[in-house]
Every structure is written in C-alpha cells, then in structure tokens.
Amino acid sequence: MQLSHFLRSKKQEVIISTDIYYPLPKVEFDPLRITQVLDNLISNSLKFTPRGGKIVVSASPSKES
C-alpha cells in the first residue's frame, strides 16, 4: 500500500484489509499496470468510504479455474 493511502486511511479512520483465498492460479500481467489498477481501486475506495468504514481487497480463484 502506498504511504499516501496509509496516511489517508488513518486520517479517515478507515480500515484497509486483504482477503486472499489460496491457491490462486498463475496469471501473467504487466507489473506497472496492475500497480496502477490497485492504486486506483484503493484511491477510489478511500474517496467513497465513510469515516470509520472498512475496505477489503480480495482475490479468489474463479469457478472456471
């Protein structure tokens, strides 16, 4: 998590957590792009989550995996 997200979540009293279900399938992706996607996801979540709320970033295998 970027420091700016961490500081913003503390200021807003928002909890950010992860919920990862293993095993996850191997996937190929561009590290720069996935970082941008996750950064935007967390940034938007912080923007629209009320004070004292919770943000959960999760990943799980799909049923097709």
PDB file of N, CA and C in Angstrom:
ATOM      1  N   MET A   1       0.846  -1.169   0.000  1.00  0.00           N
ATOM      2  CA  MET A   1       0.000   0.000   0.000  1.00  0.00           C
ATOM      3  C   MET A   1       0.893   1.233   0.000  1.00  0.00           C
ATOM      4  N   GLN A   2       0.521   2.197  -0.793  1.00  0.00           N
ATOM      5  CA  GLN A   2       1.289   3.439  -0.857  1.00  0.00           C
ATOM      6  C   GLN A   2       1.143   4.199   0.457  1.00  0.00           C
ATOM      7  N   LEU A   3       2.183   4.924   0.809  1.00  0.00           N
ATOM      8  CA  LEU A   3       2.170   5.705   2.043  1.00  0.00           C
ATOM      9  C   LEU A   3       1.006   6.689   2.057  1.00  0.00           C
ATOM     10  N   SER A   4       0.705   7.287   0.908  1.00  0.00           N
ATOM     11  CA  SER A   4      -0.396   8.256   0.857  1.00  0.00           C
ATOM     12  C   SER A   4      -1.731   7.599   1.202  1.00  0.00           C
ATOM     13  N   HIS A   5      -1.939   6.349   0.745  1.00  0.00           N
ATOM     14  CA  HIS A   5      -3.175   5.628   1.081  1.00  0.00           C
ATOM     15  C   HIS A   5      -3.213   5.310   2.572  1.00  0.00           C
ATOM     16  N   PHE A   6      -2.071   4.901   3.096  1.00  0.00           N
ATOM     17  CA  PHE A   6      -1.994   4.568   4.513  1.00  0.00           C
ATOM     18  C   PHE A   6      -2.345   5.790   5.362  1.00  0.00           C
ATOM     19  N   LEU A   7      -1.746   6.941   5.050  1.00  0.00           N
ATOM     20  CA  LEU A   7      -1.995   8.153   5.827  1.00  0.00           C
ATOM     21  C   LEU A   7      -3.443   8.615   5.691  1.00  0.00           C
ATOM     22  N   ARG A   8      -3.975   8.517   4.486  1.00  0.00           N
ATOM     23  CA  ARG A   8      -5.364   8.922   4.254  1.00  0.00           C
ATOM     24  C   ARG A   8      -6.336   8.014   5.003  1.00  0.00           C
ATOM     25  N   SER A   9      -6.044   6.706   5.020  1.00  0.00           N
ATOM     26  CA  SER A   9      -6.927   5.774   5.727  1.00  0.00           C
ATOM     27  C   SER A   9      -6.898   6.051   7.227  1.00  0.00           C
ATOM     28  N   LYS A  10      -5.737   6.377   7.774  1.00  0.00           N
ATOM     29  CA  LYS A  10      -5.632   6.707   9.200  1.00  0.00           C
ATOM     30  C   LYS A  10      -6.420   7.978   9.507  1.00  0.00           C
ATOM     31  N   LYS A  11      -6.284   8.986   8.658  1.00  0.00           N
ATOM     32  CA  LYS A  11      -6.979  10.256   8.863  1.00  0.00           C
ATOM     33  C   LYS A  11      -8.495  10.055   8.835  1.00  0.00           C
ATOM     34  N   GLN A  12      -8.968   9.201   7.940  1.00  0.00           N
ATOM     35  CA  GLN A  12     -10.402   8.948   7.790  1.00  0.00           C
ATOM     36  C   GLN A  12     -10.884   7.841   8.721  1.00  0.00           C
ATOM     37  N   GLU A  13      -9.967   7.243   9.481  1.00  0.00           N
ATOM     38  CA  GLU A  13     -10.307   6.128  10.370  1.00  0.00           C
ATOM     39  C   GLU A  13     -10.938   4.973   9.588  1.00  0.00           C
ATOM     40  N   VAL A  14     -10.367   4.682   8.424  1.00  0.00           N
ATOM     41  CA  VAL A  14     -10.821   3.590   7.562  1.00  0.00           C
ATOM     42  C   VAL A  14      -9.824   2.449   7.664  1.00  0.00           C
ATOM     43  N   ILE A  15     -10.342   1.244   7.818  1.00  0.00           N
ATOM     44  CA  ILE A  15      -9.504   0.046   7.873  1.00  0.00           C
ATOM     45  C   ILE A  15      -9.394  -0.527   6.466  1.00  0.00           C
ATOM     46  N   ILE A  16      -8.175  -0.831   6.046  1.00  0.00           N
ATOM     47  CA  ILE A  16      -7.941  -1.495   4.756  1.00  0.00           C
ATOM     48  C   ILE A  16      -7.357  -2.864   5.055  1.00  0.00           C
ATOM     49  N   SER A  17      -8.014  -3.915   4.533  1.00  0.00           N
ATOM     50  CA  SER A  17      -7.519  -5.271   4.764  1.00  0.00           C
ATOM     51  C   SER A  17      -7.579  -6.079   3.471  1.00  0.00           C
ATOM     52  N   THR A  18      -6.959  -7.249   3.509  1.00  0.00           N
ATOM     53  CA  THR A  18      -6.987  -8.154   2.355  1.00  0.00           C
ATOM     54  C   THR A  18      -7.645  -9.460   2.760  1.00  0.00           C
ATOM     55  N   ASP A  19      -8.228 -10.115   1.780  1.00  0.00           N
ATOM     56  CA  ASP A  19      -8.878 -11.408   1.979  1.00  0.00           C
ATOM     57  C   ASP A  19      -8.508 -12.255   0.765  1.00  0.00           C
ATOM     58  N   ILE A  20      -7.459 -13.055   0.898  1.00  0.00           N
ATOM     59  CA  ILE A  20      -6.919 -13.823  -0.227  1.00  0.00           C
ATOM     60  C   ILE A  20      -7.217 -15.305  -0.016  1.00  0.00           C
ATOM     61  N   TYR A  21      -7.810 -15.928  -1.017  1.00  0.00           N
ATOM     62  CA  TYR A  21      -8.126 -17.353  -0.965  1.00  0.00           C
ATOM     63  C   TYR A  21      -7.118 -18.109  -1.819  1.00  0.00           C
ATOM     64  N   TYR A  22      -6.435 -19.047  -1.212  1.00  0.00           N
ATOM     65  CA  TYR A  22      -5.410 -19.825  -1.901  1.00  0.00           C
ATOM     66  C   TYR A  22      -5.933 -21.212  -2.197  1.00  0.00           C
ATOM     67  N   PRO A  23      -5.412 -21.887  -3.193  1.00  0.00           N
ATOM     68  CA  PRO A  23      -4.369 -21.431  -4.120  1.00  0.00           C
ATOM     69  C   PRO A  23      -4.970 -20.596  -5.241  1.00  0.00           C
ATOM     70  N   LEU A  24      -4.261 -19.566  -5.614  1.00  0.00           N
ATOM     71  CA  LEU A  24      -4.660 -18.746  -6.750  1.00  0.00           C
ATOM     72  C   LEU A  24      -3.950 -19.253  -8.001  1.00  0.00           C
ATOM     73  N   PRO A  25      -4.626 -19.208  -9.143  1.00  0.00           N
ATOM     74  CA  PRO A  25      -3.959 -19.638 -10.377  1.00  0.00           C
ATOM     75  C   PRO A  25      -2.883 -18.631 -10.776  1.00  0.00           C
ATOM     76  N   LYS A  26      -1.893 -19.098 -11.496  1.00  0.00           N
ATOM     77  CA  LYS A  26      -0.856 -18.196 -12.017  1.00  0.00           C
ATOM     78  C   LYS A  26      -1.453 -17.388 -13.164  1.00  0.00           C
ATOM     79  N   VAL A  27      -1.160 -16.101 -13.154  1.00  0.00           N
ATOM     80  CA  VAL A  27      -1.607 -15.225 -14.231  1.00  0.00           C
ATOM     81  C   VAL A  27      -0.443 -14.333 -14.639  1.00  0.00           C
ATOM     82  N   GLU A  28      -0.448 -13.925 -15.886  1.00  0.00           N
ATOM     83  CA  GLU A  28       0.578 -13.004 -16.370  1.00  0.00           C
ATOM     84  C   GLU A  28      -0.031 -11.621 -16.473  1.00  0.00           C
ATOM     85  N   PHE A  29       0.696 -10.631 -16.008  1.00  0.00           N
ATOM     86  CA  PHE A  29       0.233  -9.255 -16.088  1.00  0.00           C
ATOM     87  C   PHE A  29       1.420  -8.315 -16.091  1.00  0.00           C
ATOM     88  N   ASP A  30       1.166  -7.102 -16.509  1.00  0.00           N
ATOM     89  CA  ASP A  30       2.171  -6.053 -16.525  1.00  0.00           C
ATOM     90  C   ASP A  30       2.246  -5.478 -15.108  1.00  0.00           C
ATOM     91  N   PRO A  31       3.392  -5.577 -14.430  1.00  0.00           N
ATOM     92  CA  PRO A  31       3.500  -5.099 -13.050  1.00  0.00           C
ATOM     93  C   PRO A  31       3.136  -3.616 -12.887  1.00  0.00           C
ATOM     94  N   LEU A  32       3.510  -2.786 -13.855  1.00  0.00           N
ATOM     95  CA  LEU A  32       3.182  -1.371 -13.778  1.00  0.00           C
ATOM     96  C   LEU A  32       1.677  -1.155 -13.848  1.00  0.00           C
ATOM     97  N   ARG A  33       1.026  -1.844 -14.777  1.00  0.00           N
ATOM     98  CA  ARG A  33      -0.422  -1.670 -14.960  1.00  0.00           C
ATOM     99  C   ARG A  33      -1.205  -2.200 -13.767  1.00  0.00           C
ATOM    100  N   ILE A  34      -0.820  -3.348 -13.223  1.00  0.00           N
ATOM    101  CA  ILE A  34      -1.568  -3.893 -12.080  1.00  0.00           C
ATOM    102  C   ILE A  34      -1.385  -2.996 -10.865  1.00  0.00           C
ATOM    103  N   THR A  35      -0.218  -2.367 -10.754  1.00  0.00           N
ATOM    104  CA  THR A  35       0.005  -1.412  -9.669  1.00  0.00           C
ATOM    105  C   THR A  35      -0.919  -0.208  -9.837  1.00  0.00           C
ATOM    106  N   GLN A  36      -1.072   0.271 -11.063  1.00  0.00           N
ATOM    107  CA  GLN A  36      -1.977   1.396 -11.328  1.00  0.00           C
ATOM    108  C   GLN A  36      -3.426   1.014 -11.023  1.00  0.00           C
ATOM    109  N   VAL A  37      -3.813  -0.173 -11.423  1.00  0.00           N
ATOM    110  CA  VAL A  37      -5.183  -0.634 -11.180  1.00  0.00           C
ATOM    111  C   VAL A  37      -5.470  -0.688  -9.680  1.00  0.00           C
ATOM    112  N   LEU A  38      -4.567  -1.304  -8.921  1.00  0.00           N
ATOM    113  CA  LEU A  38      -4.773  -1.412  -7.476  1.00  0.00           C
ATOM    114  C   LEU A  38      -4.716  -0.045  -6.800  1.00  0.00           C
ATOM    115  N   ASP A  39      -3.831   0.815  -7.260  1.00  0.00           N
ATOM    116  CA  ASP A  39      -3.744   2.164  -6.718  1.00  0.00           C
ATOM    117  C   ASP A  39      -5.059   2.917  -6.940  1.00  0.00           C
ATOM    118  N   ASN A  40      -5.608   2.842  -8.150  1.00  0.00           N
ATOM    119  CA  ASN A  40      -6.885   3.495  -8.448  1.00  0.00           C
ATOM    120  C   ASN A  40      -8.024   2.893  -7.640  1.00  0.00           C
ATOM    121  N   LEU A  41      -8.026   1.581  -7.506  1.00  0.00           N
ATOM    122  CA  LEU A  41      -9.068   0.898  -6.746  1.00  0.00           C
ATOM    123  C   LEU A  41      -9.079   1.369  -5.289  1.00  0.00           C
ATOM    124  N   ILE A  42      -7.914   1.399  -4.665  1.00  0.00           N
ATOM    125  CA  ILE A  42      -7.832   1.814  -3.267  1.00  0.00           C
ATOM    126  C   ILE A  42      -8.116   3.304  -3.127  1.00  0.00           C
ATOM    127  N   SER A  43      -7.611   4.104  -4.044  1.00  0.00           N
ATOM    128  CA  SER A  43      -7.855   5.546  -4.001  1.00  0.00           C
ATOM    129  C   SER A  43      -9.346   5.854  -4.102  1.00  0.00           C
ATOM    130  N   ASN A  44     -10.035   5.230  -5.043  1.00  0.00           N
ATOM    131  CA  ASN A  44     -11.479   5.440  -5.191  1.00  0.00           C
ATOM    132  C   ASN A  44     -12.243   4.906  -3.986  1.00  0.00           C
ATOM    133  N   SER A  45     -11.798   3.786  -3.452  1.00  0.00           N
ATOM    134  CA  SER A  45     -12.451   3.229  -2.267  1.00  0.00           C
ATOM    135  C   SER A  45     -12.336   4.185  -1.089  1.00  0.00           C
ATOM    136  N   LEU A  46     -11.163   4.777  -0.906  1.00  0.00           N
ATOM    137  CA  LEU A  46     -10.988   5.746   0.177  1.00  0.00           C
ATOM    138  C   LEU A  46     -11.855   6.986  -0.034  1.00  0.00           C
ATOM    139  N   LYS A  47     -12.001   7.372  -1.294  1.00  0.00           N
ATOM    140  CA  LYS A  47     -12.793   8.558  -1.601  1.00  0.00           C
ATOM    141  C   LYS A  47     -14.262   8.367  -1.220  1.00  0.00           C
ATOM    142  N   PHE A  48     -14.781   7.146  -1.422  1.00  0.00           N
ATOM    143  CA  PHE A  48     -16.208   6.911  -1.238  1.00  0.00           C
ATOM    144  C   PHE A  48     -16.567   6.103   0.009  1.00  0.00           C
ATOM    145  N   THR A  49     -15.594   5.760   0.825  1.00  0.00           N
ATOM    146  CA  THR A  49     -15.866   5.037   2.069  1.00  0.00           C
ATOM    147  C   THR A  49     -16.019   6.052   3.201  1.00  0.00           C
ATOM    148  N   PRO A  50     -17.115   5.961   3.944  1.00  0.00           N
ATOM    149  CA  PRO A  50     -17.316   6.930   5.027  1.00  0.00           C
ATOM    150  C   PRO A  50     -16.330   6.718   6.174  1.00  0.00           C
ATOM    151  N   ARG A  51     -16.125   7.766   6.962  1.00  0.00           N
ATOM    152  CA  ARG A  51     -15.254   7.709   8.146  1.00  0.00           C
ATOM    153  C   ARG A  51     -15.647   6.503   8.998  1.00  0.00           C
ATOM    154  N   GLY A  52     -14.627   5.754   9.416  1.00  0.00           N
ATOM    155  CA  GLY A  52     -14.866   4.582  10.254  1.00  0.00           C
ATOM    156  C   GLY A  52     -15.234   3.335   9.468  1.00  0.00           C
ATOM    157  N   GLY A  53     -15.224   3.419   8.137  1.00  0.00           N
ATOM    158  CA  GLY A  53     -15.598   2.284   7.300  1.00  0.00           C
ATOM    159  C   GLY A  53     -14.454   1.294   7.123  1.00  0.00           C
ATOM    160  N   LYS A  54     -14.695   0.298   6.289  1.00  0.00           N
ATOM    161  CA  LYS A  54     -13.710  -0.751   6.045  1.00  0.00           C
ATOM    162  C   LYS A  54     -13.649  -1.033   4.549  1.00  0.00           C
ATOM    163  N   ILE A  55     -12.428  -1.201   4.042  1.00  0.00           N
ATOM    164  CA  ILE A  55     -12.184  -1.566   2.641  1.00  0.00           C
ATOM    165  C   ILE A  55     -11.505  -2.930   2.656  1.00  0.00           C
ATOM    166  N   VAL A  56     -12.035  -3.871   1.894  1.00  0.00           N
ATOM    167  CA  VAL A  56     -11.432  -5.196   1.790  1.00  0.00           C
ATOM    168  C   VAL A  56     -11.058  -5.443   0.335  1.00  0.00           C
ATOM    169  N   VAL A  57      -9.780  -5.713   0.105  1.00  0.00           N
ATOM    170  CA  VAL A  57      -9.291  -6.078  -1.227  1.00  0.00           C
ATOM    171  C   VAL A  57      -9.169  -7.599  -1.214  1.00  0.00           C
ATOM    172  N   SER A  58      -9.929  -8.264  -2.087  1.00  0.00           N
ATOM    173  CA  SER A  58      -9.926  -9.727  -2.050  1.00  0.00           C
ATOM    174  C   SER A  58      -9.548 -10.316  -3.403  1.00  0.00           C
ATOM    175  N   ALA A  59      -9.085 -11.561  -3.344  1.00  0.00           N
ATOM    176  CA  ALA A  59      -8.767 -12.324  -4.554  1.00  0.00           C
ATOM    177  C   ALA A  59      -9.092 -13.776  -4.288  1.00  0.00           C
ATOM    178  N   SER A  60      -9.723 -14.403  -5.268  1.00  0.00           N
ATOM    179  CA  SER A  60     -10.053 -15.826  -5.145  1.00  0.00           C
ATOM    180  C   SER A  60     -10.115 -16.424  -6.538  1.00  0.00           C
ATOM    181  N   PRO A  61      -9.870 -17.726  -6.636  1.00  0.00           N
ATOM    182  CA  PRO A  61      -9.958 -18.370  -7.941  1.00  0.00           C
ATOM    183  C   PRO A  61     -11.410 -18.386  -8.420  1.00  0.00           C
ATOM    184  N   SER A  62     -11.602 -18.230  -9.718  1.00  0.00           N
ATOM    185  CA  SER A  62     -12.953 -18.322 -10.255  1.00  0.00           C
ATOM    186  C   SER A  62     -13.348 -19.787 -10.369  1.00  0.00           C
ATOM    187  N   LYS A  63     -14.618 -20.034 -10.557  1.00  0.00           N
ATOM    188  CA  LYS A  63     -15.094 -21.419 -10.683  1.00  0.00           C
ATOM    189  C   LYS A  63     -14.592 -22.075 -11.943  1.00  0.00           C
ATOM    190  N   GLU A  64     -14.203 -21.252 -12.954  1.00  0.00           N
ATOM    191  CA  GLU A  64     -13.696 -21.799 -14.208  1.00  0.00           C
ATOM    192  C   GLU A  64     -12.238 -22.224 -14.087  1.00  0.00           C
ATOM    193  N   SER A  65     -11.541 -21.829 -13.020  1.00  0.00           N
ATOM    194  CA  SER A  65     -10.097 -22.116 -12.877  1.00  0.00           C
ATOM    195  C   SER A  65      -9.838 -23.589 -12.707  1.00  0.00           C
TER     196      SER A  65
END
